[in-house]
Protein backbone atom coordinates (compact mmCIF):
# COMPACT_ATOMS: atom_id res chain seq x y z
CA MET A 1 -43.55 45.46 -44.58
CA LYS A 2 -42.02 42.65 -46.66
CA LEU A 3 -43.94 40.69 -49.08
CA TYR A 4 -42.93 37.35 -50.15
CA GLU A 5 -44.35 34.79 -52.77
CA LEU A 6 -44.25 31.34 -51.75
CA GLN A 7 -42.71 29.04 -54.55
CA ILE A 8 -42.05 25.46 -55.23
CA GLU A 9 -38.21 25.31 -55.98
CA ASP A 10 -36.64 22.74 -53.89
CA ALA A 11 -37.31 19.10 -53.49
CA GLU A 12 -38.69 19.69 -49.89
CA ASP A 13 -41.18 22.40 -51.16
CA GLU A 14 -44.52 21.02 -50.60
CA VAL A 15 -47.63 20.99 -48.57
CA PHE A 16 -47.26 17.71 -46.39
CA ALA A 17 -50.66 18.28 -44.07
CA ILE A 18 -53.64 20.11 -43.98
CA SER A 19 -55.16 21.10 -40.36
CA LEU A 20 -58.52 21.91 -39.03
CA VAL A 21 -58.38 25.29 -37.37
CA GLU A 22 -60.58 27.49 -35.45
CA ASN A 23 -58.94 30.77 -37.26
CA PRO A 24 -57.92 30.11 -40.73
CA ALA A 25 -55.33 32.30 -42.34
CA ILE A 26 -57.15 32.53 -45.67
CA GLN A 27 -60.15 33.97 -43.63
CA SER A 28 -62.91 31.71 -45.40
CA ASP A 29 -64.70 29.13 -43.27
CA PHE A 30 -65.74 25.66 -44.64
CA MET A 31 -69.21 24.47 -44.84
CA TYR A 32 -70.41 21.21 -43.22
CA PHE A 33 -73.18 18.93 -43.96
CA HIS A 34 -75.10 16.62 -41.40
CA ASN A 35 -78.33 14.84 -41.09
CA GLU A 36 -79.69 17.25 -38.95
CA LYS A 37 -81.69 19.62 -41.15
CA GLU A 38 -80.90 22.64 -39.08
CA LEU A 39 -77.56 22.38 -39.69
CA MET A 40 -77.62 21.78 -43.50
CA LYS A 41 -76.66 25.00 -45.58
CA PHE A 42 -77.60 23.45 -49.18
CA ALA A 43 -80.18 21.09 -50.30
CA ALA A 44 -78.47 18.91 -53.12
CA VAL A 45 -76.11 17.05 -50.54
CA ASP A 46 -76.04 13.69 -49.35
CA THR A 47 -77.30 14.40 -45.77
CA GLU A 48 -76.35 11.01 -44.58
CA LYS A 49 -72.52 11.76 -44.90
CA ARG A 50 -70.27 13.74 -42.70
CA THR A 51 -68.71 16.08 -45.06
CA LEU A 52 -66.61 19.51 -44.93
CA ILE A 53 -65.91 21.55 -47.94
CA GLY A 54 -64.07 24.65 -48.09
CA PRO A 55 -61.05 26.50 -49.80
CA ILE A 56 -57.65 25.09 -48.72
CA LEU A 57 -55.72 27.74 -50.55
CA ILE A 58 -56.69 30.86 -52.12
CA PRO A 59 -54.30 32.46 -54.64
CA ASP A 60 -52.83 35.82 -54.34
CA LYS A 61 -54.39 36.10 -50.76
CA ARG A 62 -51.99 38.04 -48.37
CA ILE A 63 -51.37 36.09 -45.34
CA MET A 64 -49.66 37.62 -42.32
CA ARG A 65 -46.62 35.95 -40.82
CA VAL A 66 -44.21 36.76 -38.23
CA GLU A 67 -40.77 36.07 -37.66
CA ALA A 68 -39.08 34.46 -34.59
CA ASP A 69 -37.86 37.90 -33.53
CA GLY A 70 -41.49 39.44 -33.65
CA SER A 71 -41.16 41.01 -37.06
CA PRO A 72 -44.20 40.66 -39.22
CA TYR A 73 -44.41 39.98 -43.16
CA GLU A 74 -46.87 38.89 -45.70
CA VAL A 75 -46.94 36.00 -48.03
CA PHE A 76 -48.98 34.84 -50.74
CA PHE A 77 -49.18 32.04 -53.51
CA SER A 78 -49.82 32.46 -57.26
CA LYS A 79 -52.46 30.51 -59.07
CA ASP A 80 -49.68 28.30 -60.71
CA THR A 81 -48.33 27.43 -57.30
CA VAL A 82 -51.58 26.85 -55.99
CA SER A 83 -52.41 24.38 -58.89
CA LYS A 84 -49.11 22.53 -58.40
CA LEU A 85 -49.42 22.17 -54.87
CA ALA A 86 -53.12 20.71 -55.16
CA GLN A 87 -51.71 18.12 -57.90
CA ASN A 88 -48.68 17.24 -55.61
CA TYR A 89 -50.62 16.64 -52.74
CA LEU A 90 -52.66 14.11 -54.31
CA MET A 91 -49.73 12.50 -56.23
CA LYS A 92 -47.88 12.06 -52.95
CA LYS A 93 -50.87 10.32 -51.43
CA TYR A 94 -51.41 12.78 -48.56
CA ASN A 95 -55.05 12.46 -48.39
CA ASP A 96 -55.29 11.29 -44.85
CA GLN A 97 -52.69 13.63 -43.56
CA ALA A 98 -54.40 15.83 -40.99
CA THR A 99 -53.80 17.75 -37.84
CA LEU A 100 -55.61 19.55 -35.34
CA GLU A 101 -54.68 23.32 -34.91
CA HIS A 102 -51.26 22.38 -36.19
CA ASP A 103 -50.42 20.36 -33.43
CA ALA A 104 -51.35 16.65 -33.10
CA LYS A 105 -51.92 14.37 -35.89
CA ILE A 106 -55.40 13.22 -36.21
CA LYS A 107 -56.98 10.31 -37.93
CA GLY A 108 -60.44 9.95 -39.38
CA VAL A 109 -60.08 13.05 -41.79
CA HIS A 110 -60.07 12.06 -45.41
CA LEU A 111 -59.73 14.40 -48.58
CA VAL A 112 -62.06 12.60 -50.88
CA GLU A 113 -62.47 15.39 -53.57
CA SER A 114 -59.87 18.14 -54.54
CA TRP A 115 -60.13 20.55 -57.27
CA VAL A 116 -58.97 23.82 -58.39
CA LYS A 117 -61.75 26.45 -59.43
CA ASP A 118 -61.52 27.05 -63.04
CA GLY A 119 -64.50 29.37 -63.77
CA GLN A 120 -67.60 31.12 -63.07
CA PHE A 121 -69.63 27.60 -63.29
CA ASP A 122 -67.34 25.81 -60.92
CA LYS A 123 -69.00 23.21 -58.77
CA SER A 124 -68.00 25.05 -55.63
CA ASN A 125 -70.55 27.58 -56.30
CA ASN A 126 -73.12 24.91 -55.76
CA TYR A 127 -72.27 24.79 -52.17
CA GLY A 128 -72.55 28.78 -51.75
CA LEU A 129 -68.69 29.32 -51.75
CA ASN A 130 -67.93 32.35 -53.50
CA LEU A 131 -64.37 31.92 -54.25
CA PRO A 132 -61.81 33.33 -56.67
CA LYS A 133 -60.61 31.61 -59.81
CA GLY A 134 -57.62 29.36 -58.91
CA THR A 135 -58.88 28.47 -55.45
CA TRP A 136 -57.81 24.89 -54.22
CA VAL A 137 -60.99 23.61 -52.75
CA GLY A 138 -61.30 20.43 -50.74
CA MET A 139 -64.05 18.09 -49.70
CA PHE A 140 -63.47 16.23 -46.50
CA LYS A 141 -65.03 13.08 -45.11
CA ILE A 142 -64.87 12.67 -41.33
CA THR A 143 -65.18 9.44 -39.99
CA ASP A 144 -63.85 10.07 -36.43
CA ASP A 145 -66.89 10.82 -34.04
CA LYS A 146 -64.95 12.76 -31.68
CA ILE A 147 -63.62 15.29 -34.25
CA TRP A 148 -66.97 15.62 -35.67
CA ASN A 149 -68.84 15.94 -32.47
CA ASP A 150 -66.26 17.71 -30.49
CA TYR A 151 -64.65 20.14 -32.92
CA VAL A 152 -66.78 20.62 -36.17
CA LYS A 153 -70.39 20.51 -34.61
CA THR A 154 -69.39 22.78 -31.91
CA GLY A 155 -67.73 25.28 -34.06
CA LYS A 156 -64.21 24.89 -32.44
CA VAL A 157 -62.84 24.45 -35.94
CA LYS A 158 -63.97 26.68 -38.84
CA GLY A 159 -61.69 26.15 -41.80
CA PHE A 160 -58.60 24.71 -43.18
CA SER A 161 -54.90 25.67 -42.83
CA ILE A 162 -51.89 24.01 -44.63
CA GLU A 163 -48.72 22.85 -43.41
CA GLY A 164 -45.75 22.86 -45.70
CA LEU A 165 -42.21 24.04 -46.51
CA PHE A 166 -41.84 26.77 -49.54
CA SER A 167 -39.25 28.84 -51.03
CA HIS A 168 -39.56 32.61 -50.27
CA LYS A 169 -39.05 35.16 -53.24
CA LEU A 170 -39.02 38.78 -51.90
CA VAL A 171 -41.46 40.71 -53.89
CA LYS A 172 -41.43 44.10 -52.05
CA ALA A 173 -40.52 45.65 -48.74
CA SER A 174 -42.68 48.37 -47.22
CA ILE A 175 -43.13 50.14 -43.99
CA ILE A 176 -46.08 51.64 -42.08
CA ASP A 177 -46.77 55.21 -42.43
CA LEU A 178 -46.81 56.01 -38.64
CA GLU A 179 -48.07 59.69 -39.44
CA LYS A 180 -51.40 58.39 -40.49
CA ASP A 181 -54.53 58.72 -38.30
CA ILE A 182 -55.87 55.35 -36.96
CA GLU A 183 -58.77 55.28 -39.00
CA GLU A 184 -56.40 55.51 -42.06
CA LEU A 185 -54.56 52.28 -41.33
CA THR A 186 -55.39 49.37 -43.52
CA GLU A 187 -56.52 46.01 -41.83
CA ASN A 188 -52.99 44.68 -42.55
CA GLU A 189 -51.03 47.88 -41.03
CA VAL A 190 -53.48 47.39 -37.89
CA GLU A 191 -52.26 43.67 -37.48
CA VAL A 192 -48.64 44.59 -38.10
CA LEU A 193 -48.97 47.21 -35.11
CA LEU A 194 -50.76 44.98 -32.81
CA SER A 195 -48.16 42.27 -33.42
CA GLU A 196 -45.23 44.66 -32.63
CA ILE A 197 -47.22 45.92 -29.49
CA LYS A 198 -47.70 42.50 -28.24
CA SER A 199 -44.13 41.75 -28.85
CA LEU A 200 -42.91 44.66 -26.78
CA ILE A 201 -45.44 43.82 -24.06
CA LEU A 202 -44.11 40.22 -23.71
CA GLU A 203 -40.49 41.46 -23.87
CA GLN A 204 -41.29 44.13 -21.17
CA LYS A 205 -42.74 41.44 -18.65
CA GLY A 206 -39.93 39.03 -19.57
CA ILE A 207 -42.22 36.42 -21.17
CA GLN A 208 -40.40 34.16 -23.75
CA MET A 209 -41.85 31.35 -25.70
CA GLU A 210 -40.61 27.91 -24.40
CA SER A 211 -37.29 27.09 -26.28
CA TYR A 212 -34.62 24.69 -26.22
CA SER A 213 -30.88 24.89 -27.01
CA ASP A 214 -29.42 21.52 -25.54
CA TYR A 215 -29.18 20.16 -29.17
CA GLY A 216 -25.29 20.00 -29.06
CA SER A 217 -22.53 20.71 -31.19
CA GLY A 218 -22.96 17.89 -33.59
CA ILE A 219 -26.24 19.62 -34.95
CA SER A 220 -24.62 23.08 -35.10
CA ASN A 221 -21.60 21.51 -36.87
CA ASN A 222 -23.87 19.87 -39.28
CA ALA A 223 -25.74 23.08 -40.07
CA GLN A 224 -22.68 25.03 -40.63
CA LYS A 225 -21.36 22.29 -42.98
CA GLY A 226 -24.58 22.77 -44.80
CA ILE A 227 -24.10 26.61 -44.95
CA ASP A 228 -20.47 26.42 -46.40
CA LEU A 229 -21.47 23.63 -49.14
CA ASN A 230 -24.41 25.84 -50.06
CA GLU A 231 -22.24 28.68 -50.35
CA LYS A 232 -19.91 26.92 -52.75
CA ASN A 233 -23.18 26.16 -54.86
CA ASN A 234 -24.00 29.89 -55.12
CA ASN A 235 -26.76 29.11 -52.41
CA LYS A 236 -28.99 27.62 -55.02
CA CYS A 237 -30.00 24.90 -52.70
CA ALA A 238 -32.80 24.91 -49.78
CA THR A 239 -35.66 27.08 -49.20
CA GLN A 240 -35.40 30.35 -47.19
CA VAL A 241 -36.68 28.57 -44.23
CA GLY A 242 -33.97 25.97 -44.51
CA LYS A 243 -31.33 28.73 -44.81
CA VAL A 244 -32.70 30.61 -41.79
CA ARG A 245 -32.83 27.55 -39.76
CA ALA A 246 -29.36 26.51 -40.57
CA GLN A 247 -27.99 30.04 -39.25
CA GLN A 248 -29.93 29.73 -36.09
CA LEU A 249 -28.66 25.90 -35.60
CA ALA A 250 -25.07 27.00 -36.41
CA LYS A 251 -25.17 29.73 -33.69
CA GLY A 252 -26.47 27.52 -31.07
CA GLU A 253 -29.41 29.69 -30.80
CA PRO A 254 -32.59 28.27 -28.78
CA ILE A 255 -35.43 26.77 -31.02
CA THR A 256 -39.10 26.65 -30.28
CA VAL A 257 -41.17 23.55 -29.73
CA GLU A 258 -42.98 24.36 -33.26
CA THR A 259 -39.45 24.49 -34.76
CA ILE A 260 -38.62 21.18 -33.42
CA LYS A 261 -41.81 19.77 -34.84
CA ARG A 262 -41.08 20.98 -38.31
CA MET A 263 -37.22 19.67 -37.65
CA TYR A 264 -38.55 16.23 -37.03
CA SER A 265 -41.24 16.38 -39.71
CA TYR A 266 -38.65 17.42 -42.43
CA LEU A 267 -35.84 15.19 -41.41
CA SER A 268 -37.91 12.12 -41.34
CA ARG A 269 -39.39 12.61 -44.79
CA ALA A 270 -36.22 14.09 -46.48
CA GLU A 271 -33.81 11.46 -45.34
CA ALA A 272 -34.37 9.65 -48.66
CA TYR A 273 -32.84 12.68 -50.59
CA TYR A 274 -29.65 12.53 -48.31
CA ASP A 275 -26.42 11.01 -49.86
CA GLU A 276 -23.19 11.09 -48.23
CA SER A 277 -21.39 10.01 -51.11
CA ASP A 278 -22.62 13.37 -52.98
CA MET A 279 -21.91 16.32 -50.73
CA ASN A 280 -23.00 18.78 -53.56
CA ALA A 281 -26.26 17.35 -54.19
CA CYS A 282 -29.27 19.82 -53.03
CA GLY A 283 -31.01 17.02 -50.99
CA THR A 284 -27.87 16.55 -48.89
CA ILE A 285 -27.17 19.98 -48.34
CA SER A 286 -30.96 20.88 -47.45
CA TYR A 287 -30.57 17.82 -45.08
CA LEU A 288 -27.68 19.26 -43.39
CA LEU A 289 -29.02 22.58 -43.01
CA TRP A 290 -31.62 21.44 -40.71
CA GLY A 291 -28.98 19.70 -38.59
CA GLY A 292 -28.48 16.08 -40.52
CA LYS A 293 -29.06 12.95 -38.76
CA ALA A 294 -28.10 14.19 -35.51
CA ALA A 295 -31.00 16.65 -35.78
CA PHE A 296 -33.36 13.92 -36.60
CA SER A 297 -32.46 11.85 -33.52
CA TRP A 298 -32.45 14.65 -31.20
CA SER A 299 -35.78 16.24 -32.42
CA ARG A 300 -37.28 12.58 -32.04
CA ASN A 301 -36.20 12.22 -28.56
CA LYS A 302 -37.12 15.73 -27.50
CA LEU A 303 -40.74 15.47 -28.75
CA ARG A 304 -40.96 12.12 -26.91
CA GLU A 305 -39.54 13.71 -23.80
CA LEU A 306 -42.15 16.25 -24.19
CA GLY A 307 -45.06 13.97 -24.84
CA LEU A 308 -45.57 15.23 -28.24
CA LEU A 309 -44.85 12.51 -30.55
CA GLU A 310 -47.92 10.34 -30.94
CA GLU A 311 -46.45 7.92 -33.25
CA ALA A 312 -43.76 6.22 -31.01
CA GLU A 313 -41.27 4.39 -33.23
CA ALA A 314 -41.03 1.48 -30.69
CA GLN A 315 -42.09 -1.62 -32.14
CA PRO A 316 -45.26 -3.37 -31.43
CA SER A 317 -45.43 -6.45 -29.23
CA ILE A 318 -46.16 -8.95 -32.01
CA PRO A 319 -43.77 -11.62 -31.63
CA ASN A 320 -40.95 -11.95 -34.36
CA SER A 321 -42.05 -13.96 -37.60
CA SER A 322 -40.27 -17.36 -37.81
CA TYR A 323 -39.66 -16.54 -41.51
CA PRO A 324 -36.05 -17.64 -42.41
CA GLY A 325 -35.38 -14.87 -45.03
CA GLU A 326 -35.00 -16.77 -48.02
CA VAL A 327 -34.88 -14.70 -51.07
CA ALA A 328 -37.26 -15.54 -54.14
CA SER A 329 -34.83 -14.93 -57.17
CA GLY A 330 -31.33 -14.97 -55.42
CA SER A 331 -31.08 -11.29 -55.88
CA VAL A 332 -30.27 -9.28 -52.41
CA ALA A 333 -29.95 -5.75 -51.56
CA PRO A 334 -26.13 -4.75 -52.18
CA ALA A 335 -26.11 -3.17 -48.83
CA LEU A 336 -26.89 -6.27 -47.23
CA LEU A 337 -24.14 -8.50 -48.93
CA ALA A 338 -22.08 -5.77 -50.50
CA VAL A 339 -22.65 -6.86 -53.91
CA GLU A 340 -22.15 -4.62 -56.84
CA GLY A 341 -24.70 -3.41 -58.72
CA CYS A 342 -28.85 -3.22 -58.28
CA PRO A 343 -31.13 -5.98 -57.61
CA GLU A 344 -32.65 -6.98 -61.03
CA SER A 345 -36.12 -6.73 -59.93
CA THR A 346 -35.66 -2.64 -59.49
CA LYS A 347 -34.78 -2.59 -63.26
CA ASN A 348 -36.81 -5.53 -64.62
CA ILE A 349 -40.55 -4.81 -64.09
CA LYS A 350 -41.88 -8.39 -65.04
CA LEU A 351 -39.24 -10.00 -62.62
CA ASN A 352 -40.73 -7.34 -60.05
CA ILE A 353 -44.34 -8.18 -60.74
CA ALA A 354 -43.86 -11.99 -60.46
CA ASN A 355 -41.89 -11.60 -57.08
CA ARG A 356 -44.61 -9.43 -55.65
CA GLN A 357 -47.22 -11.96 -56.82
CA ILE A 358 -45.08 -14.59 -54.83
CA ALA A 359 -45.41 -12.41 -51.79
CA ILE A 360 -48.97 -11.93 -52.27
CA ASP A 361 -49.56 -15.79 -52.78
CA ASP A 362 -47.10 -17.21 -50.33
CA ALA A 363 -47.16 -14.35 -47.50
CA ASN A 364 -50.31 -12.49 -47.97
CA TYR A 365 -48.81 -9.27 -49.02
CA GLY A 366 -51.47 -6.45 -48.74
CA PRO A 367 -53.62 -4.97 -48.09
CA LEU A 368 -54.71 -3.67 -51.75
CA ASN A 369 -55.48 -0.25 -50.89
CA PRO A 370 -53.80 0.88 -47.57
CA ASN A 371 -55.97 4.01 -47.65
CA GLU A 372 -59.15 2.07 -47.06
CA PRO A 373 -60.13 0.49 -43.71
CA ASN A 374 -59.28 -3.12 -44.56
CA GLU A 375 -60.80 -4.31 -41.30
CA GLU A 376 -61.09 -8.07 -42.24
CA TYR A 377 -57.67 -7.98 -43.48
CA TRP A 378 -56.14 -6.54 -40.18
CA LYS A 379 -58.36 -8.70 -38.11
CA ALA A 380 -56.95 -11.93 -39.72
CA LYS A 381 -53.40 -10.46 -39.42
CA ALA A 382 -54.20 -9.72 -35.83
CA GLU A 383 -55.44 -13.31 -35.16
CA GLN A 384 -52.39 -14.75 -36.83
CA PHE A 385 -50.00 -12.99 -34.64
CA GLY A 386 -52.35 -13.29 -31.43
CA ALA A 387 -52.24 -9.63 -30.90
CA SER A 388 -54.68 -6.77 -31.25
CA VAL A 389 -55.81 -5.03 -34.45
CA VAL A 390 -54.03 -1.94 -33.44
CA GLU A 391 -50.86 -3.74 -32.86
CA ALA A 392 -51.06 -5.63 -36.32
CA LYS A 393 -51.48 -2.14 -38.03
CA LYS A 394 -48.14 -1.27 -36.69
CA ALA A 395 -46.32 -4.19 -38.20
CA LEU A 396 -45.76 -2.71 -41.51
CA CYS A 397 -43.26 -3.39 -44.30
CA GLY A 398 -41.88 0.13 -43.48
CA ASN A 399 -40.68 -1.05 -40.03
CA CYS A 400 -39.66 -4.56 -41.26
CA VAL A 401 -35.98 -5.62 -41.21
CA PHE A 402 -36.33 -6.86 -44.75
CA PHE A 403 -37.34 -3.35 -45.92
CA TYR A 404 -34.35 -1.46 -47.48
CA ARG A 405 -34.46 2.35 -48.11
CA THR A 406 -30.66 2.95 -48.16
CA PRO A 407 -29.42 5.80 -50.63
CA GLU A 408 -27.92 3.08 -52.84
CA ILE A 409 -31.30 1.12 -53.01
CA LEU A 410 -33.29 4.15 -53.79
CA LYS A 411 -31.11 5.21 -56.47
CA CYS A 412 -31.48 1.63 -58.05
CA ILE A 413 -35.32 2.22 -57.79
CA ALA A 414 -35.19 5.63 -59.28
CA GLU A 415 -32.88 4.65 -62.19
CA GLY A 416 -35.61 1.56 -62.86
CA LEU A 417 -38.33 4.08 -63.18
CA GLY A 418 -36.65 6.15 -65.89
CA THR A 419 -36.89 9.98 -66.39
CA GLU A 420 -40.59 10.36 -67.68
CA VAL A 421 -41.58 11.28 -64.33
CA ASP A 422 -39.54 12.58 -61.25
CA PRO A 423 -38.40 9.06 -59.97
CA TYR A 424 -37.80 10.21 -56.27
CA GLU A 425 -41.21 12.05 -56.10
CA ALA A 426 -42.63 8.64 -57.21
CA ILE A 427 -40.68 6.89 -54.67
CA ASP A 428 -41.52 9.31 -52.22
CA ALA A 429 -45.47 9.33 -53.09
CA GLY A 430 -45.68 5.42 -52.84
CA GLU A 431 -43.43 5.21 -50.05
CA ILE A 432 -41.34 2.41 -52.09
CA GLY A 433 -38.51 0.68 -50.60
CA TYR A 434 -37.03 -2.86 -51.64
CA CYS A 435 -38.05 -6.23 -49.88
CA GLU A 436 -35.01 -8.39 -49.48
CA ALA A 437 -37.26 -11.42 -48.32
CA PHE A 438 -39.11 -11.61 -51.69
CA ASP A 439 -37.05 -9.34 -53.99
CA PHE A 440 -39.43 -6.72 -55.36
CA LYS A 441 -40.04 -3.06 -54.97
CA CYS A 442 -42.28 -2.83 -51.70
CA ALA A 443 -44.66 -0.40 -50.32
CA ALA A 444 -43.92 0.92 -46.70
CA SER A 445 -47.65 0.98 -45.62
CA ARG A 446 -48.35 -2.84 -46.60
CA THR A 447 -47.35 -5.75 -44.69
CA CYS A 448 -46.79 -9.60 -45.09
CA ASP A 449 -46.62 -12.66 -42.94
CA ALA A 450 -42.99 -12.67 -43.22
CA TRP A 451 -42.66 -9.34 -41.10
CA VAL A 452 -39.93 -9.22 -38.96
CA VAL A 453 -39.32 -6.52 -36.11
CA GLY A 454 -36.05 -4.42 -36.76
CA GLY A 455 -36.40 -2.16 -39.74
CA PRO A 456 -36.18 -0.37 -41.97
CA ILE A 457 -32.56 -0.40 -43.10
CA THR A 458 -31.49 2.98 -44.05
CA LYS A 459 -27.73 2.77 -44.00
């Protein structure tokens, strides 16, 4: 059986969500705390808080996976990779990115503490967690009543499982010795045999996982273009997952619903790295391997058709703002007026801060920290627009017509950030774009009184 080390090599490699699951692949349940004494496992914990704690990722722990064709393999993460993934998760502000059983996105699950166990006196020991050194440990606050009462308290979910994309490095390939007696088989070998038996049974019964191949030639052509470009680059771009996906799409093979979900998730996040003017860039090649813009549109529509896309991208019913759109300093996005060069505010931090303050003072730019509830802010915004709080929270800078995230603008912002940090990683972590109305670098998760339906501008 093949063994792969999962690594961080490409721009798209990351953990982008943590899921509450019944059967965590790392085989270690979380502990949970509640104000009912019979549910308490430890004394030195605030009993008034709904808190979950447990391992998110254990280094060198072999995890069984199965290819689309039913072939089993194992993967693991090194201590160094686990540490980098834990750091990147917080740097990119994914604290509230959670799903239930790797399916629906859920709210009310917040990563409030995150650390990597560094020795025998690590605080995870205080919670009775006997974990190896290098384990990524997380403490989550559950604010959603339904998640807590229906899933945590009932035991429907027992641990954490990561969602992400990673590069695969083949460590070894081995086969099961079928001459062994059943008693001599290892646990992993038993899992492999059961997986193979299950696949054979399903095949005999003619049962197949629901899949779709109606994605058209545009997606197949994009995937093939990505393959050809990558070959010219000695196949240095993209993860193993991306390369396999491209072969599948180029051949027009059917893909499962889970694959469509991954396609939509990746393409919606990686669009910022796609640059049509640089077809040799790894970000461009990786995007094409997954089917490019055609695949993004198709996967979004397919998930909507199947009723699986919770965050519909239709705009809220708040009426359009009457703000006329004057800029603060005279500088506008090059994509808007075809002006050469970058807006001055993307390079001049003092000008950017000054213009942002204008947006705060004149248009109530906020809230200060979008990760907080900010109920008073959103109530006021809802009253202003004559809408509900739910609708108000959908009117964000990220879907405003003044919000620019074109490749040209993102390049301007990146150049202004310098090279002390990875500029595109910082842009992605802060969901940064350019506000044409007030001429400053703006965060997608905030809003202001000048909001107008129709954005973002990405081309």
